[in-house]
């Protein structure tokens, strides 16, 4: 058997990691400013994280949700405290797409409606409901196509208001990334987030804040939507929760009541997953990583804005997009193969930076020096 060939890959075999550095099988060191799609939140092989998982493995790694798992309660309490949403409810699953699926489904259960509003440029995942609200027809199979998604332009308050007026009592939810990741690091305006809140209140719709990539402290606040000063009804999370261990979750407003069988999962919230999730939150607290993300990210953004060759620098904290002219389309490749720095991209020419939240200023300077060489 061979692998199903769906990933364009670089000919690099990473075998070891420590903090923001990774090493290939030939011993070459790389600076990791991508964290494997924003997954590595507290750095590779953080000692507290490794010990938490190792200790749990010596006890029990898995049992189903048919028994008490006190680690789930511990994780919910810690997440409520760190996120500032102490009265919310936690449902644990395994991935970002699962979190989106469960959020959209739960919203529809809550108000009995079918339609959802999503935005141009959105990426919410690849599974059935998640891909239907994603703005990329190439990855939507015919079986995923639905008339229940209303697409409105990014940050367009008039279009959003009109969509509610046109469909009024049919709209179940509005789903929005606080900062679009795949869409090119585009920040949702504070005014659009406030408008979503007010319209959802008016029409009894559910505000779903997708924080899978832009959440979990990456922007300097726990959820990037928090900059608008309003609460969503459901927050989706994944990626950074487990620092590499596959975990997804939704944080659910107290106004939405649970019922047995409403949602379910086999692997979600297992003992090892909870140990990983707790380790991440403990390190985030102990090392003030949200503050570090704001400070080092702010420094990077300020320095990048000084480059006259750059079209635009977008983002918040350590979620940064560098929009480059077409003649620098080679920049990501040169960063990797000439300067040994991993970054991401968004088509056509946006460099995406999504490093661990404990990135140091020295590592930021190492990137800036390499970037300067490439575009000067």
Protein backbone atom coordinates (compact mmCIF):
# COMPACT_ATOMS: atom_id res chain seq x y z
CA UNK A 1 0.00 0.00 0.00
CA UNK A 2 1.11 3.57 -0.67
CA UNK A 3 -0.04 6.92 0.70
CA UNK A 4 -3.00 8.70 -0.92
CA UNK A 5 -1.15 11.56 -2.58
CA UNK A 6 -3.03 14.74 -1.54
CA UNK A 7 -0.21 16.78 0.04
CA UNK A 8 2.48 18.70 -1.85
CA UNK A 9 5.44 18.14 0.47
CA UNK A 10 8.94 19.51 0.97
CA UNK A 11 11.76 16.99 0.88
CA UNK A 12 12.58 17.49 4.57
CA UNK A 13 12.30 14.91 7.35
CA UNK A 14 11.96 16.61 10.74
CA UNK A 15 12.94 14.22 13.52
CA UNK A 16 13.42 16.43 16.58
CA UNK A 17 12.13 19.67 18.04
CA UNK A 18 12.86 21.92 20.99
CA UNK A 19 11.01 25.17 21.61
CA UNK A 20 10.88 27.09 18.32
CA UNK A 21 13.63 25.03 16.72
CA UNK A 22 13.32 21.77 14.79
CA UNK A 23 15.97 19.49 13.28
CA UNK A 24 15.96 17.21 10.24
CA UNK A 25 17.47 13.73 9.91
CA UNK A 26 20.73 15.28 8.66
CA UNK A 27 21.09 17.48 11.75
CA UNK A 28 20.11 20.73 10.03
CA UNK A 29 18.47 23.22 12.40
CA UNK A 30 15.35 25.17 11.33
CA UNK A 31 13.51 28.05 12.98
CA UNK A 32 9.84 27.08 13.15
CA UNK A 33 7.59 30.11 12.62
CA UNK A 34 4.65 28.04 11.41
CA UNK A 35 4.15 25.51 14.19
CA UNK A 36 2.62 22.99 11.80
CA UNK A 37 -0.45 25.15 10.96
CA UNK A 38 -0.54 27.05 14.29
CA UNK A 39 -0.62 23.83 16.32
CA UNK A 40 2.56 24.20 18.40
CA UNK A 41 1.46 26.72 21.01
CA UNK A 42 3.99 26.22 23.82
CA UNK A 43 6.98 25.03 21.79
CA UNK A 44 8.12 21.59 20.71
CA UNK A 45 8.76 19.01 23.48
CA UNK A 46 8.14 21.45 26.34
CA UNK A 47 9.35 19.57 29.46
CA UNK A 48 6.16 20.17 31.47
CA UNK A 49 4.04 18.97 28.55
CA UNK A 50 6.17 15.85 28.04
CA UNK A 51 6.03 14.98 31.74
CA UNK A 52 2.25 15.53 31.95
CA UNK A 53 1.66 13.10 29.07
CA UNK A 54 4.24 10.58 30.27
CA UNK A 55 2.80 10.52 33.80
CA UNK A 56 -0.72 10.02 32.41
CA UNK A 57 0.42 7.18 30.13
CA UNK A 58 1.66 5.32 33.21
CA UNK A 59 -1.87 5.58 34.69
CA UNK A 60 -4.40 5.17 31.87
CA UNK A 61 -4.41 6.54 28.33
CA UNK A 62 -8.01 6.02 27.31
CA UNK A 63 -11.46 5.10 28.43
CA UNK A 64 -14.77 6.17 26.95
CA UNK A 65 -17.15 8.92 28.01
CA UNK A 66 -19.36 6.32 29.70
CA UNK A 67 -17.44 6.81 32.96
CA UNK A 68 -16.32 9.74 35.10
CA UNK A 69 -13.19 11.45 33.78
CA UNK A 70 -12.25 14.08 36.39
CA UNK A 71 -9.53 15.43 34.06
CA UNK A 72 -12.32 16.74 31.80
CA UNK A 73 -13.78 18.78 34.65
CA UNK A 74 -10.32 20.02 35.57
CA UNK A 75 -9.69 21.07 31.96
CA UNK A 76 -13.07 22.81 31.71
CA UNK A 77 -12.43 24.78 34.92
CA UNK A 78 -8.92 25.77 33.84
CA UNK A 79 -10.08 26.77 30.35
CA UNK A 80 -12.94 28.81 31.79
CA UNK A 81 -10.53 30.64 34.06
CA UNK A 82 -7.83 31.34 31.45
CA UNK A 83 -10.34 32.34 28.74
CA UNK A 84 -12.45 34.46 31.08
CA UNK A 85 -15.63 32.52 30.14
CA UNK A 86 -16.15 30.77 33.48
CA UNK A 87 -19.90 30.28 33.07
CA UNK A 88 -19.58 28.58 29.65
CA UNK A 89 -19.80 24.80 29.04
CA UNK A 90 -17.13 22.64 27.38
CA UNK A 91 -17.62 19.87 24.82
CA UNK A 92 -14.44 18.07 23.80
CA UNK A 93 -13.80 16.44 20.42
CA UNK A 94 -10.72 15.73 18.29
CA UNK A 95 -10.21 18.40 15.62
CA UNK A 96 -11.13 21.82 14.34
CA UNK A 97 -13.49 20.46 11.71
CA UNK A 98 -15.31 18.44 14.38
CA UNK A 99 -15.59 21.54 16.54
CA UNK A 100 -17.18 23.44 13.62
CA UNK A 101 -19.55 20.55 12.83
CA UNK A 102 -20.71 20.37 16.43
CA UNK A 103 -21.09 24.15 16.72
CA UNK A 104 -23.28 24.43 13.62
CA UNK A 105 -25.32 21.40 14.64
CA UNK A 106 -25.78 22.67 18.19
CA UNK A 107 -26.92 26.07 16.93
CA UNK A 108 -29.54 24.38 14.75
CA UNK A 109 -30.71 22.22 17.68
CA UNK A 110 -30.98 25.36 19.81
CA UNK A 111 -33.28 27.40 17.58
CA UNK A 112 -34.65 24.83 15.13
CA UNK A 113 -33.44 26.78 12.08
CA UNK A 114 -31.33 25.66 9.10
CA UNK A 115 -29.51 28.54 7.44
CA UNK A 116 -26.11 29.90 8.43
CA UNK A 117 -24.28 33.04 7.34
CA UNK A 118 -20.60 32.69 6.43
CA UNK A 119 -18.10 35.11 4.87
CA UNK A 120 -16.07 35.34 1.69
CA UNK A 121 -12.52 34.07 2.18
CA UNK A 122 -13.56 31.84 5.08
CA UNK A 123 -11.91 28.52 5.89
CA UNK A 124 -13.67 26.40 8.51
CA UNK A 125 -12.61 22.84 7.63
CA UNK A 126 -13.05 20.00 5.16
CA UNK A 127 -15.83 17.81 6.57
CA UNK A 128 -19.50 18.01 5.57
CA UNK A 129 -20.89 21.12 7.31
CA UNK A 130 -17.45 22.69 7.86
CA UNK A 131 -16.59 22.61 4.16
CA UNK A 132 -20.02 23.96 3.19
CA UNK A 133 -19.28 27.18 5.10
CA UNK A 134 -15.71 27.28 3.73
CA UNK A 135 -15.27 29.59 0.73
CA UNK A 136 -13.39 27.26 -1.62
CA UNK A 137 -15.48 25.45 -4.25
CA UNK A 138 -12.52 23.23 -5.21
CA UNK A 139 -12.76 21.27 -1.96
CA UNK A 140 -16.58 21.10 -1.83
CA UNK A 141 -17.73 17.74 -3.22
CA UNK A 142 -21.22 17.57 -4.78
CA UNK A 143 -22.51 15.74 -1.71
CA UNK A 144 -21.40 18.69 0.47
CA UNK A 145 -23.34 21.29 -1.52
CA UNK A 146 -26.24 22.88 0.34
CA UNK A 147 -28.66 25.76 0.00
CA UNK A 148 -28.40 26.48 3.72
CA UNK A 149 -25.28 28.69 3.53
CA UNK A 150 -25.62 32.42 2.84
CA UNK A 151 -22.28 33.96 1.82
CA UNK A 152 -21.69 37.66 2.52
CA UNK A 153 -18.60 39.79 1.75
CA UNK A 154 -15.90 40.02 4.43
CA UNK A 155 -16.47 42.81 6.98
CA UNK A 156 -19.54 44.06 5.08
CA UNK A 157 -22.06 45.18 7.71
CA UNK A 158 -24.66 46.33 5.17
CA UNK A 159 -24.65 42.95 3.41
CA UNK A 160 -24.87 41.14 6.73
CA UNK A 161 -27.84 43.26 7.81
CA UNK A 162 -29.52 42.67 4.43
CA UNK A 163 -29.00 38.89 4.70
CA UNK A 164 -30.82 38.89 8.02
CA UNK A 165 -33.60 41.03 6.54
CA UNK A 166 -33.96 38.71 3.54
CA UNK A 167 -34.02 35.45 5.50
CA UNK A 168 -35.13 36.79 8.91
CA UNK A 169 -36.45 33.82 10.87
CA UNK A 170 -34.58 31.16 8.83
CA UNK A 171 -31.08 32.04 10.07
CA UNK A 172 -29.73 29.61 12.65
CA UNK A 173 -26.21 31.03 13.04
CA UNK A 174 -23.44 33.32 11.87
CA UNK A 175 -19.93 31.86 11.77
CA UNK A 176 -16.81 34.02 11.53
CA UNK A 177 -13.08 33.73 12.13
CA UNK A 178 -11.72 36.52 14.33
CA UNK A 179 -8.82 36.61 11.88
CA UNK A 180 -9.01 34.66 8.63
CA UNK A 181 -6.04 32.31 8.36
CA UNK A 182 -6.17 30.54 5.00
CA UNK A 183 -7.97 33.65 3.71
CA UNK A 184 -4.77 35.68 4.12
CA UNK A 185 -4.61 36.93 7.75
CA UNK A 186 -7.55 39.31 7.42
CA UNK A 187 -8.80 40.75 10.71
CA UNK A 188 -12.53 40.90 11.42
CA UNK A 189 -13.41 44.48 12.28
CA UNK A 190 -14.62 45.12 15.80
CA UNK A 191 -17.73 46.73 14.32
CA UNK A 192 -18.69 43.62 12.29
CA UNK A 193 -18.36 41.45 15.40
CA UNK A 194 -20.58 43.85 17.35
CA UNK A 195 -23.08 43.88 14.49
CA UNK A 196 -23.18 40.07 14.45
CA UNK A 197 -23.90 40.09 18.19
CA UNK A 198 -26.75 42.59 17.89
CA UNK A 199 -28.35 40.87 14.87
CA UNK A 200 -28.09 37.42 16.47
CA UNK A 201 -29.81 38.82 19.57
CA UNK A 202 -32.54 40.42 17.46
CA UNK A 203 -33.28 37.32 15.34
CA UNK A 204 -32.54 34.57 17.92
CA UNK A 205 -29.54 33.31 15.91
CA UNK A 206 -26.33 31.83 17.33
CA UNK A 207 -23.01 33.71 17.07
CA UNK A 208 -20.28 31.13 16.36
CA UNK A 209 -16.76 32.48 16.84
CA UNK A 210 -14.28 30.27 14.98
CA UNK A 211 -11.06 30.42 16.96
CA UNK A 212 -9.49 27.22 15.64
CA UNK A 213 -6.49 29.08 14.20
CA UNK A 214 -6.85 32.61 15.61
CA UNK A 215 -7.77 31.65 19.18
CA UNK A 216 -6.08 30.15 22.21
CA UNK A 217 -3.99 33.19 23.12
CA UNK A 218 -2.33 33.65 19.76
CA UNK A 219 -3.38 37.30 19.39
CA UNK A 220 -2.63 38.39 22.95
CA UNK A 221 -6.22 37.82 24.06
CA UNK A 222 -7.56 34.30 24.56
CA UNK A 223 -10.06 34.58 21.70
CA UNK A 224 -9.28 37.09 18.96
CA UNK A 225 -13.00 37.94 18.90
CA UNK A 226 -12.57 39.40 22.42
CA UNK A 227 -11.08 42.58 20.95
CA UNK A 228 -14.64 43.61 20.05
CA UNK A 229 -15.78 43.44 23.68
CA UNK A 230 -18.76 41.15 22.97
CA UNK A 231 -19.34 37.48 23.76
CA UNK A 232 -20.13 34.86 21.14
CA UNK A 233 -22.54 32.01 21.90
CA UNK A 234 -20.15 29.25 20.82
CA UNK A 235 -16.35 29.37 20.46
CA UNK A 236 -14.61 26.69 18.40
CA UNK A 237 -11.08 25.62 19.26
CA UNK A 238 -8.46 23.09 18.18
CA UNK A 239 -4.86 23.35 16.88
CA UNK A 240 -3.09 25.05 19.81
CA UNK A 241 -5.13 23.30 22.52
CA UNK A 242 -2.99 20.17 22.56
CA UNK A 243 0.41 21.41 21.28
CA UNK A 244 0.33 18.57 18.75
CA UNK A 245 -2.04 16.17 20.49
CA UNK A 246 -5.29 16.10 18.45
CA UNK A 247 -7.93 17.95 20.47
CA UNK A 248 -10.92 20.02 19.40
CA UNK A 249 -13.50 21.74 21.58
CA UNK A 250 -16.42 24.09 21.71
CA UNK A 251 -17.11 26.51 24.55
CA UNK A 252 -20.87 26.96 24.84
CA UNK A 253 -22.92 29.80 26.31
CA UNK A 254 -25.01 28.93 29.40
CA UNK A 255 -28.16 29.88 27.46
CA UNK A 256 -27.78 26.69 25.36
CA UNK A 257 -28.96 23.70 27.38
CA UNK A 258 -27.51 20.19 26.88
CA UNK A 259 -29.47 16.96 26.50
CA UNK A 260 -28.26 13.36 26.53
CA UNK A 261 -27.32 12.21 23.04
CA UNK A 262 -27.34 15.71 21.54
CA UNK A 263 -23.59 15.50 20.82
CA UNK A 264 -21.18 12.61 21.18
CA UNK A 265 -17.66 11.38 20.50
CA UNK A 266 -15.55 8.27 21.04
CA UNK A 267 -12.09 9.74 21.50
CA UNK A 268 -12.95 13.31 22.52
CA UNK A 269 -11.89 14.22 26.04
CA UNK A 270 -9.89 11.05 26.67
CA UNK A 271 -7.39 10.95 29.53
CA UNK A 272 -4.30 11.65 27.41
CA UNK A 273 -6.00 14.49 25.53
CA UNK A 274 -7.02 16.17 28.77
CA UNK A 275 -3.51 15.80 30.19
CA UNK A 276 -2.12 17.48 27.06
CA UNK A 277 -4.73 20.24 27.23
CA UNK A 278 -4.06 20.92 30.90
CA UNK A 279 -0.31 21.03 30.30
CA UNK A 280 -0.76 23.68 27.60
CA UNK A 281 -2.94 25.92 29.79
CA UNK A 282 -0.60 25.50 32.76
CA UNK A 283 2.40 26.58 30.68
CA UNK A 284 0.42 29.47 29.17
CA UNK A 285 -0.32 30.74 32.68
CA UNK A 286 3.08 30.07 34.24
CA UNK A 287 5.03 31.66 31.38
CA UNK A 288 2.59 34.52 30.58
CA UNK A 289 2.42 33.39 26.97
CA UNK A 290 -0.51 35.58 25.91
CA UNK A 291 1.46 38.63 27.01
CA UNK A 292 4.54 37.31 25.20
CA UNK A 293 2.49 36.76 22.03
CA UNK A 294 1.26 40.36 22.20
CA UNK A 295 4.73 41.79 22.84
CA UNK A 296 6.85 39.74 20.42
CA UNK A 297 4.07 39.80 17.83
CA UNK A 298 3.73 43.57 18.17
CA UNK A 299 7.48 43.94 17.74
CA UNK A 300 7.46 41.78 14.59
CA UNK A 301 4.53 43.67 13.07
CA UNK A 302 6.16 47.05 13.77
CA UNK A 303 9.48 45.96 12.24
CA UNK A 304 7.84 44.38 9.18
CA UNK A 305 5.91 47.57 8.48
CA UNK A 306 9.26 49.33 7.98
CA UNK A 307 9.97 47.33 4.80
CA UNK A 308 8.95 49.52 1.86
CA UNK A 309 8.74 46.49 -0.44
CA UNK A 310 5.85 44.98 1.58
CA UNK A 311 2.31 45.75 0.39
CA UNK A 312 0.70 45.29 3.80
CA UNK A 313 1.31 43.68 7.20
CA UNK A 314 -1.85 42.26 8.78
CA UNK A 315 -2.72 40.43 11.97
CA UNK A 316 -2.51 40.61 15.73
CA UNK A 317 0.00 39.14 18.16
CA UNK A 318 1.67 36.06 16.71
CA UNK A 319 -0.77 35.64 13.83
CA UNK A 320 0.86 37.71 11.12
CA UNK A 321 0.38 38.00 7.36
CA UNK A 322 2.99 39.68 5.14
CA UNK A 323 1.38 40.62 1.83
CA UNK A 324 4.11 40.78 -0.82
CA UNK A 325 4.21 41.97 -4.45
CA UNK A 326 4.22 39.21 -7.08
CA UNK A 327 7.98 39.54 -7.68
CA UNK A 328 8.59 38.11 -4.19
CA UNK A 329 6.57 34.94 -4.80
CA UNK A 330 9.78 33.02 -4.07
CA UNK A 331 10.10 34.40 -0.52
CA UNK A 332 8.57 31.45 1.37
CA UNK A 333 10.70 28.94 -0.54
CA UNK A 334 13.86 31.01 -0.01
CA UNK A 335 13.15 31.36 3.71
CA UNK A 336 12.91 27.58 4.00
CA UNK A 337 15.71 26.36 1.74
CA UNK A 338 18.22 29.24 1.96
CA UNK A 339 17.66 30.39 5.54
CA UNK A 340 16.10 27.29 7.13
CA UNK A 341 12.98 29.05 8.44
CA UNK A 342 9.54 27.44 8.27
CA UNK A 343 6.68 29.82 7.45
CA UNK A 344 3.22 29.37 5.95
CA UNK A 345 1.51 31.02 3.03
CA UNK A 346 -1.86 32.18 1.76
CA UNK A 347 -2.42 32.51 -1.97
CA UNK A 348 -1.23 34.32 -3.89
CA UNK A 349 1.71 36.00 -2.08
CA UNK A 350 1.08 36.21 1.65
CA UNK A 351 3.66 34.86 4.10
CA UNK A 352 1.90 33.53 7.22
CA UNK A 353 3.65 33.52 10.60
CA UNK A 354 2.05 31.27 13.25
CA UNK A 355 4.86 30.43 15.69
CA UNK A 356 4.73 29.10 19.23
CA UNK A 357 3.46 31.67 21.73
CA UNK A 358 6.79 31.57 23.59
CA UNK A 359 8.75 32.78 20.54
CA UNK A 360 11.69 34.89 21.70
CA UNK A 361 12.66 38.32 20.42
CA UNK A 362 16.02 36.83 19.38
CA UNK A 363 14.24 34.34 17.13
CA UNK A 364 12.05 37.15 15.77
CA UNK A 365 15.25 39.07 14.90
CA UNK A 366 16.68 35.97 13.20
CA UNK A 367 13.63 35.92 10.93
CA UNK A 368 13.76 39.69 10.26
CA UNK A 369 17.41 39.44 9.24
CA UNK A 370 16.69 36.61 6.79
CA UNK A 371 13.60 38.36 5.43
CA UNK A 372 15.65 41.53 4.85
CA UNK A 373 18.19 39.57 2.82
CA UNK A 374 15.49 38.03 0.63
CA UNK A 375 13.61 41.18 -0.31
CA UNK A 376 16.48 43.70 -0.40
